[in-house]
Amino acid sequence: MSEFEAVQGRLTFTAGDRLLAEIAVPDTGGRYGWTTVAPDLDSAPDGVHDLRIGLHGDVRLAAFRFCS
């Protein structure tokens, strides 16, 4: 994200008490505008965990997917 793009909010991804990723979400210019953001994970936790996605600020989440 360039320094000229306004940050509208952020997404956080946690597993238990561990913060896995935090992503700044840029302003898309309108309620129905959208963008794709992706985190860089240092390492995924071992085993099975409940994933919690936190939306902070004026953010709407339409979809997400896992990729390897």
C-alpha atoms as a PDB file:
ATOM      1  CA  MET A   1       0.000   0.000   0.000  1.00  0.00           C
ATOM      2  CA  SER A   2       1.404   3.394  -0.881  1.00  0.00           C
ATOM      3  CA  GLU A   3       1.646   6.234   1.602  1.00  0.00           C
ATOM      4  CA  PHE A   4      -1.106   8.051  -0.349  1.00  0.00           C
ATOM      5  CA  GLU A   5      -3.791   5.413   0.172  1.00  0.00           C
ATOM      6  CA  ALA A   6      -5.939   6.034   3.226  1.00  0.00           C
ATOM      7  CA  VAL A   7      -6.335   3.146   5.641  1.00  0.00           C
ATOM      8  CA  GLN A   8     -10.004   2.436   6.294  1.00  0.00           C
ATOM      9  CA  GLY A   9      -9.596  -0.326   8.858  1.00  0.00           C
ATOM     10  CA  ARG A  10      -7.816  -3.563   9.613  1.00  0.00           C
ATOM     11  CA  LEU A  11      -8.393  -7.293   9.806  1.00  0.00           C
ATOM     12  CA  THR A  12      -6.896  -9.489  12.502  1.00  0.00           C
ATOM     13  CA  PHE A  13      -6.574 -13.269  12.399  1.00  0.00           C
ATOM     14  CA  THR A  14      -6.104 -15.135  15.680  1.00  0.00           C
ATOM     15  CA  ALA A  15      -5.926 -18.764  16.762  1.00  0.00           C
ATOM     16  CA  GLY A  16      -6.540 -18.970  20.492  1.00  0.00           C
ATOM     17  CA  ASP A  17      -4.462 -16.208  22.082  1.00  0.00           C
ATOM     18  CA  ARG A  18      -1.971 -16.092  19.195  1.00  0.00           C
ATOM     19  CA  LEU A  19      -2.177 -13.238  16.682  1.00  0.00           C
ATOM     20  CA  LEU A  20      -1.430 -14.822  13.299  1.00  0.00           C
ATOM     21  CA  ALA A  21      -1.779 -11.761  11.077  1.00  0.00           C
ATOM     22  CA  GLU A  22      -2.927  -8.162  11.020  1.00  0.00           C
ATOM     23  CA  ILE A  23      -3.775  -6.531   7.689  1.00  0.00           C
ATOM     24  CA  ALA A  24      -4.394  -2.856   6.937  1.00  0.00           C
ATOM     25  CA  VAL A  25      -7.436  -2.421   4.682  1.00  0.00           C
ATOM     26  CA  PRO A  26      -7.238   0.572   2.324  1.00  0.00           C
ATOM     27  CA  ASP A  27     -10.154   2.866   1.553  1.00  0.00           C
ATOM     28  CA  THR A  28     -11.809   1.565  -1.631  1.00  0.00           C
ATOM     29  CA  GLY A  29     -13.582   4.805  -2.459  1.00  0.00           C
ATOM     30  CA  GLY A  30     -17.126   3.621  -1.864  1.00  0.00           C
ATOM     31  CA  ARG A  31     -19.410   1.275   0.001  1.00  0.00           C
ATOM     32  CA  TYR A  32     -19.481  -1.286  -2.798  1.00  0.00           C
ATOM     33  CA  GLY A  33     -15.870  -0.944  -3.889  1.00  0.00           C
ATOM     34  CA  TRP A  34     -13.640  -3.851  -3.010  1.00  0.00           C
ATOM     35  CA  THR A  35     -10.009  -4.834  -2.915  1.00  0.00           C
ATOM     36  CA  THR A  36      -7.964  -7.938  -2.226  1.00  0.00           C
ATOM     37  CA  VAL A  37      -5.577  -8.009   0.724  1.00  0.00           C
ATOM     38  CA  ALA A  38      -3.412 -10.893   1.907  1.00  0.00           C
ATOM     39  CA  PRO A  39      -1.116 -11.436   4.893  1.00  0.00           C
ATOM     40  CA  ASP A  40       2.316 -13.001   4.973  1.00  0.00           C
ATOM     41  CA  LEU A  41       2.285 -15.657   7.694  1.00  0.00           C
ATOM     42  CA  ASP A  42       5.583 -16.418   9.398  1.00  0.00           C
ATOM     43  CA  SER A  43       4.367 -19.867  10.349  1.00  0.00           C
ATOM     44  CA  ALA A  44       1.031 -21.572  10.718  1.00  0.00           C
ATOM     45  CA  PRO A  45       0.214 -23.121  14.090  1.00  0.00           C
ATOM     46  CA  ASP A  46       0.421 -26.898  14.312  1.00  0.00           C
ATOM     47  CA  GLY A  47      -2.752 -28.906  14.848  1.00  0.00           C
ATOM     48  CA  VAL A  48      -6.394 -27.929  14.594  1.00  0.00           C
ATOM     49  CA  HIS A  49      -7.511 -24.508  15.840  1.00  0.00           C
ATOM     50  CA  ASP A  50     -10.527 -22.240  15.711  1.00  0.00           C
ATOM     51  CA  LEU A  51      -9.686 -19.229  13.540  1.00  0.00           C
ATOM     52  CA  ARG A  52     -11.103 -15.884  14.619  1.00  0.00           C
ATOM     53  CA  ILE A  53     -11.302 -13.005  12.152  1.00  0.00           C
ATOM     54  CA  GLY A  54     -11.654  -9.543  13.682  1.00  0.00           C
ATOM     55  CA  LEU A  55     -12.896  -6.566  11.663  1.00  0.00           C
ATOM     56  CA  HIS A  56     -11.795  -3.191  13.023  1.00  0.00           C
ATOM     57  CA  GLY A  57     -12.990   0.127  11.600  1.00  0.00           C
ATOM     58  CA  ASP A  58     -15.348   0.686   8.700  1.00  0.00           C
ATOM     59  CA  VAL A  59     -14.689  -2.710   7.062  1.00  0.00           C
ATOM     60  CA  ARG A  60     -17.023  -5.188   5.371  1.00  0.00           C
ATOM     61  CA  LEU A  61     -15.821  -8.714   4.624  1.00  0.00           C
ATOM     62  CA  ALA A  62     -17.484 -10.392   1.637  1.00  0.00           C
ATOM     63  CA  ALA A  63     -15.317 -13.512   1.334  1.00  0.00           C
ATOM     64  CA  PHE A  64     -12.006 -15.059   2.237  1.00  0.00           C
ATOM     65  CA  ARG A  65     -10.076 -18.137   1.190  1.00  0.00           C
ATOM     66  CA  PHE A  66      -7.091 -20.185   2.229  1.00  0.00           C
ATOM     67  CA  CYS A  67      -4.206 -20.731  -0.185  1.00  0.00           C
ATOM     68  CA  SER A  68      -0.947 -22.564   0.164  1.00  0.00           C
END
